[in-house]
Amino acid sequence: MGLYKVPFSFTHEEKVFGGYLSLRQMLYLIISVISVGILFLNISIIIKTILFLFSISICMIFAFLKIGNIYADKYFFNILKYLLRRKIFIFER
């Protein structure tokens, strides 16, 4: 019996929660709800508000924004991998 490689490419996510949200999107929503804990820190109200709005907006962008065919979180992680990878510099004269 022969084994054959089957090419596959997943460009969509399965909507698990109510047919509207995928697991990845639900995790970002849970993280944004947990960020309410920022409001219980002993710092000024302005810093609390800025941190809370920043974390909520980043989580919502990562969960729902698509850039081309790629979700924003995967796009961001690809940029980070590019910036942090080891680079080879070739100096020529």
N, C-alpha and C. Protein backbone atom coordinates (compact mmCIF):
# COMPACT_ATOMS: atom_id res chain seq x y z
N MET A 1 0.85 -1.17 0.00
CA MET A 1 0.00 0.00 0.00
C MET A 1 0.90 1.24 0.00
N GLY A 2 0.68 2.12 -0.95
CA GLY A 2 1.50 3.31 -1.08
C GLY A 2 1.01 4.47 -0.22
N LEU A 3 1.95 5.31 0.19
CA LEU A 3 1.63 6.51 0.94
C LEU A 3 1.78 7.71 0.01
N TYR A 4 0.81 8.58 0.02
CA TYR A 4 0.84 9.74 -0.84
C TYR A 4 0.72 11.00 0.02
N LYS A 5 1.57 11.97 -0.29
CA LYS A 5 1.47 13.25 0.40
C LYS A 5 0.32 14.04 -0.19
N VAL A 6 -0.50 14.59 0.69
CA VAL A 6 -1.64 15.38 0.25
C VAL A 6 -1.37 16.83 0.62
N PRO A 7 -1.27 17.72 -0.36
CA PRO A 7 -1.05 19.13 -0.03
C PRO A 7 -2.31 19.73 0.60
N PHE A 8 -2.10 20.54 1.59
CA PHE A 8 -3.25 21.19 2.21
C PHE A 8 -2.88 22.61 2.57
N SER A 9 -3.85 23.46 2.54
CA SER A 9 -3.68 24.85 2.90
C SER A 9 -4.95 25.31 3.60
N PHE A 10 -4.80 25.69 4.86
CA PHE A 10 -5.96 26.16 5.62
C PHE A 10 -5.98 27.68 5.59
N THR A 11 -6.96 28.23 4.91
CA THR A 11 -7.09 29.69 4.86
C THR A 11 -8.28 30.18 5.66
N HIS A 12 -9.01 29.27 6.28
CA HIS A 12 -10.16 29.68 7.08
C HIS A 12 -10.08 29.01 8.45
N GLU A 13 -10.84 29.57 9.38
CA GLU A 13 -10.90 29.00 10.73
C GLU A 13 -12.30 28.46 10.96
N GLU A 14 -12.36 27.40 11.71
CA GLU A 14 -13.67 26.82 12.04
C GLU A 14 -14.29 27.64 13.17
N LYS A 15 -15.50 28.08 12.94
CA LYS A 15 -16.22 28.88 13.94
C LYS A 15 -16.85 27.95 14.97
N VAL A 16 -16.27 27.92 16.16
CA VAL A 16 -16.65 26.96 17.18
C VAL A 16 -17.73 27.52 18.11
N PHE A 17 -17.62 28.78 18.49
CA PHE A 17 -18.50 29.36 19.48
C PHE A 17 -19.69 30.05 18.80
N GLY A 18 -20.81 29.37 18.80
CA GLY A 18 -22.04 29.92 18.24
C GLY A 18 -22.02 30.09 16.73
N GLY A 19 -21.04 29.56 16.07
CA GLY A 19 -20.94 29.71 14.62
C GLY A 19 -20.43 31.07 14.19
N TYR A 20 -20.01 31.91 15.16
CA TYR A 20 -19.54 33.25 14.85
C TYR A 20 -18.09 33.48 15.21
N LEU A 21 -17.60 32.82 16.29
CA LEU A 21 -16.25 33.07 16.77
C LEU A 21 -15.41 31.80 16.73
N SER A 22 -14.17 31.96 16.30
CA SER A 22 -13.24 30.84 16.33
C SER A 22 -12.58 30.77 17.71
N LEU A 23 -11.83 29.71 17.94
CA LEU A 23 -11.15 29.54 19.22
C LEU A 23 -10.15 30.67 19.46
N ARG A 24 -9.42 31.06 18.42
CA ARG A 24 -8.45 32.14 18.53
C ARG A 24 -9.12 33.45 18.91
N GLN A 25 -10.24 33.77 18.27
CA GLN A 25 -10.96 35.00 18.58
C GLN A 25 -11.51 34.97 20.00
N MET A 26 -11.99 33.81 20.43
CA MET A 26 -12.53 33.69 21.78
C MET A 26 -11.44 33.88 22.83
N LEU A 27 -10.24 33.37 22.56
CA LEU A 27 -9.14 33.56 23.49
C LEU A 27 -8.78 35.04 23.63
N TYR A 28 -8.77 35.77 22.53
CA TYR A 28 -8.50 37.20 22.61
C TYR A 28 -9.61 37.94 23.36
N LEU A 29 -10.85 37.52 23.19
CA LEU A 29 -11.94 38.14 23.95
C LEU A 29 -11.80 37.85 25.44
N ILE A 30 -11.40 36.65 25.81
CA ILE A 30 -11.20 36.31 27.23
C ILE A 30 -10.04 37.13 27.80
N ILE A 31 -8.97 37.28 27.05
CA ILE A 31 -7.84 38.09 27.52
C ILE A 31 -8.27 39.54 27.72
N SER A 32 -9.10 40.07 26.82
CA SER A 32 -9.55 41.45 26.98
C SER A 32 -10.46 41.61 28.20
N VAL A 33 -11.25 40.60 28.51
CA VAL A 33 -12.10 40.67 29.71
C VAL A 33 -11.24 40.57 30.97
N ILE A 34 -10.21 39.74 30.94
CA ILE A 34 -9.31 39.61 32.09
C ILE A 34 -8.54 40.91 32.33
N SER A 35 -8.34 41.70 31.28
CA SER A 35 -7.60 42.95 31.43
C SER A 35 -8.34 43.97 32.30
N VAL A 36 -9.57 43.67 32.69
CA VAL A 36 -10.29 44.54 33.63
C VAL A 36 -9.54 44.59 34.97
N GLY A 37 -8.73 43.57 35.24
CA GLY A 37 -7.93 43.54 36.46
C GLY A 37 -6.97 44.71 36.57
N ILE A 38 -6.66 45.36 35.45
CA ILE A 38 -5.81 46.55 35.47
C ILE A 38 -6.45 47.64 36.32
N LEU A 39 -7.76 47.68 36.35
CA LEU A 39 -8.45 48.74 37.08
C LEU A 39 -8.29 48.61 38.59
N PHE A 40 -7.81 47.47 39.08
CA PHE A 40 -7.65 47.27 40.51
C PHE A 40 -6.23 47.56 41.00
N LEU A 41 -5.36 48.03 40.13
CA LEU A 41 -3.99 48.36 40.52
C LEU A 41 -3.97 49.69 41.27
N ASN A 42 -2.96 49.88 42.09
CA ASN A 42 -2.82 51.12 42.84
C ASN A 42 -1.97 52.13 42.08
N ILE A 43 -2.49 52.62 40.98
CA ILE A 43 -1.84 53.67 40.20
C ILE A 43 -2.90 54.70 39.84
N SER A 44 -2.48 55.80 39.23
CA SER A 44 -3.43 56.87 38.94
C SER A 44 -4.49 56.42 37.93
N ILE A 45 -5.63 57.07 37.97
CA ILE A 45 -6.76 56.69 37.12
C ILE A 45 -6.46 56.92 35.64
N ILE A 46 -5.63 57.89 35.33
CA ILE A 46 -5.29 58.17 33.93
C ILE A 46 -4.47 57.01 33.36
N ILE A 47 -3.48 56.55 34.12
CA ILE A 47 -2.65 55.43 33.65
C ILE A 47 -3.49 54.17 33.55
N LYS A 48 -4.39 53.94 34.50
CA LYS A 48 -5.28 52.79 34.44
C LYS A 48 -6.12 52.81 33.17
N THR A 49 -6.69 53.97 32.87
CA THR A 49 -7.55 54.11 31.69
C THR A 49 -6.76 53.86 30.40
N ILE A 50 -5.56 54.44 30.33
CA ILE A 50 -4.74 54.27 29.13
C ILE A 50 -4.36 52.80 28.95
N LEU A 51 -3.92 52.14 30.03
CA LEU A 51 -3.55 50.72 29.93
C LEU A 51 -4.74 49.85 29.56
N PHE A 52 -5.89 50.13 30.16
CA PHE A 52 -7.09 49.35 29.88
C PHE A 52 -7.53 49.50 28.43
N LEU A 53 -7.61 50.73 27.95
CA LEU A 53 -8.03 50.96 26.56
C LEU A 53 -7.02 50.38 25.57
N PHE A 54 -5.73 50.47 25.90
CA PHE A 54 -4.70 49.92 25.03
C PHE A 54 -4.82 48.40 24.93
N SER A 55 -4.99 47.74 26.07
CA SER A 55 -5.08 46.28 26.04
C SER A 55 -6.36 45.80 25.35
N ILE A 56 -7.47 46.48 25.59
CA ILE A 56 -8.73 46.12 24.93
C ILE A 56 -8.61 46.31 23.42
N SER A 57 -8.05 47.44 23.00
CA SER A 57 -7.97 47.71 21.56
C SER A 57 -7.03 46.74 20.86
N ILE A 58 -5.89 46.41 21.47
CA ILE A 58 -4.96 45.46 20.87
C ILE A 58 -5.61 44.09 20.73
N CYS A 59 -6.31 43.64 21.78
CA CYS A 59 -6.97 42.33 21.72
C CYS A 59 -8.06 42.30 20.65
N MET A 60 -8.83 43.36 20.53
CA MET A 60 -9.89 43.40 19.51
C MET A 60 -9.30 43.45 18.09
N ILE A 61 -8.21 44.20 17.93
CA ILE A 61 -7.55 44.24 16.62
C ILE A 61 -7.02 42.86 16.26
N PHE A 62 -6.35 42.20 17.21
CA PHE A 62 -5.80 40.88 16.95
C PHE A 62 -6.90 39.87 16.67
N ALA A 63 -8.05 40.02 17.29
CA ALA A 63 -9.12 39.04 17.12
C ALA A 63 -9.86 39.20 15.79
N PHE A 64 -10.11 40.43 15.35
CA PHE A 64 -11.04 40.61 14.25
C PHE A 64 -10.49 41.27 12.99
N LEU A 65 -9.36 41.96 13.05
CA LEU A 65 -8.85 42.68 11.88
C LEU A 65 -8.09 41.74 10.96
N LYS A 66 -8.42 41.81 9.68
CA LYS A 66 -7.71 41.04 8.65
C LYS A 66 -6.93 41.99 7.77
N ILE A 67 -5.67 41.67 7.54
CA ILE A 67 -4.84 42.45 6.63
C ILE A 67 -4.58 41.54 5.43
N GLY A 68 -5.26 41.82 4.35
CA GLY A 68 -5.20 40.92 3.20
C GLY A 68 -5.94 39.65 3.54
N ASN A 69 -5.25 38.52 3.54
CA ASN A 69 -5.83 37.23 3.90
C ASN A 69 -5.36 36.75 5.27
N ILE A 70 -4.57 37.59 5.96
CA ILE A 70 -3.95 37.17 7.22
C ILE A 70 -4.54 38.00 8.36
N TYR A 71 -4.86 37.33 9.48
CA TYR A 71 -5.33 38.07 10.65
C TYR A 71 -4.19 38.88 11.24
N ALA A 72 -4.53 39.96 11.94
CA ALA A 72 -3.54 40.92 12.43
C ALA A 72 -2.56 40.29 13.41
N ASP A 73 -2.98 39.33 14.22
CA ASP A 73 -2.05 38.73 15.17
C ASP A 73 -0.97 37.92 14.46
N LYS A 74 -1.34 37.16 13.45
CA LYS A 74 -0.35 36.40 12.70
C LYS A 74 0.58 37.33 11.93
N TYR A 75 0.04 38.43 11.41
CA TYR A 75 0.83 39.43 10.71
C TYR A 75 1.85 40.05 11.67
N PHE A 76 1.40 40.39 12.88
CA PHE A 76 2.28 40.97 13.89
C PHE A 76 3.38 40.00 14.29
N PHE A 77 3.04 38.73 14.51
CA PHE A 77 4.04 37.75 14.89
C PHE A 77 5.02 37.48 13.76
N ASN A 78 4.57 37.54 12.52
CA ASN A 78 5.50 37.40 11.38
C ASN A 78 6.49 38.57 11.34
N ILE A 79 6.02 39.78 11.63
CA ILE A 79 6.91 40.94 11.68
C ILE A 79 7.92 40.78 12.80
N LEU A 80 7.46 40.34 13.99
CA LEU A 80 8.38 40.12 15.11
C LEU A 80 9.42 39.06 14.78
N LYS A 81 9.00 37.96 14.15
CA LYS A 81 9.95 36.91 13.77
C LYS A 81 10.99 37.45 12.79
N TYR A 82 10.56 38.31 11.87
CA TYR A 82 11.49 38.88 10.90
C TYR A 82 12.49 39.79 11.60
N LEU A 83 12.01 40.62 12.52
CA LEU A 83 12.90 41.56 13.20
C LEU A 83 13.87 40.87 14.16
N LEU A 84 13.45 39.77 14.77
CA LEU A 84 14.27 39.12 15.79
C LEU A 84 15.12 37.97 15.27
N ARG A 85 14.96 37.60 14.01
CA ARG A 85 15.74 36.47 13.51
C ARG A 85 17.19 36.89 13.28
N ARG A 86 18.04 35.89 13.23
CA ARG A 86 19.45 36.14 13.00
C ARG A 86 19.64 36.51 11.54
N LYS A 87 20.34 37.60 11.32
CA LYS A 87 20.53 38.10 9.97
C LYS A 87 21.99 37.88 9.55
N ILE A 88 22.17 37.61 8.28
CA ILE A 88 23.52 37.44 7.72
C ILE A 88 23.81 38.65 6.85
N PHE A 89 24.89 39.35 7.20
CA PHE A 89 25.28 40.52 6.44
C PHE A 89 26.48 40.16 5.58
N ILE A 90 26.39 40.42 4.32
CA ILE A 90 27.47 40.13 3.38
C ILE A 90 28.05 41.48 2.92
N PHE A 91 29.33 41.70 3.27
CA PHE A 91 29.97 42.93 2.89
C PHE A 91 30.82 42.68 1.65
N GLU A 92 30.54 43.42 0.59
CA GLU A 92 31.29 43.26 -0.65
C GLU A 92 31.93 44.57 -1.02
N ARG A 93 33.06 44.46 -1.71
CA ARG A 93 33.73 45.67 -2.22
C ARG A 93 33.85 45.59 -3.70
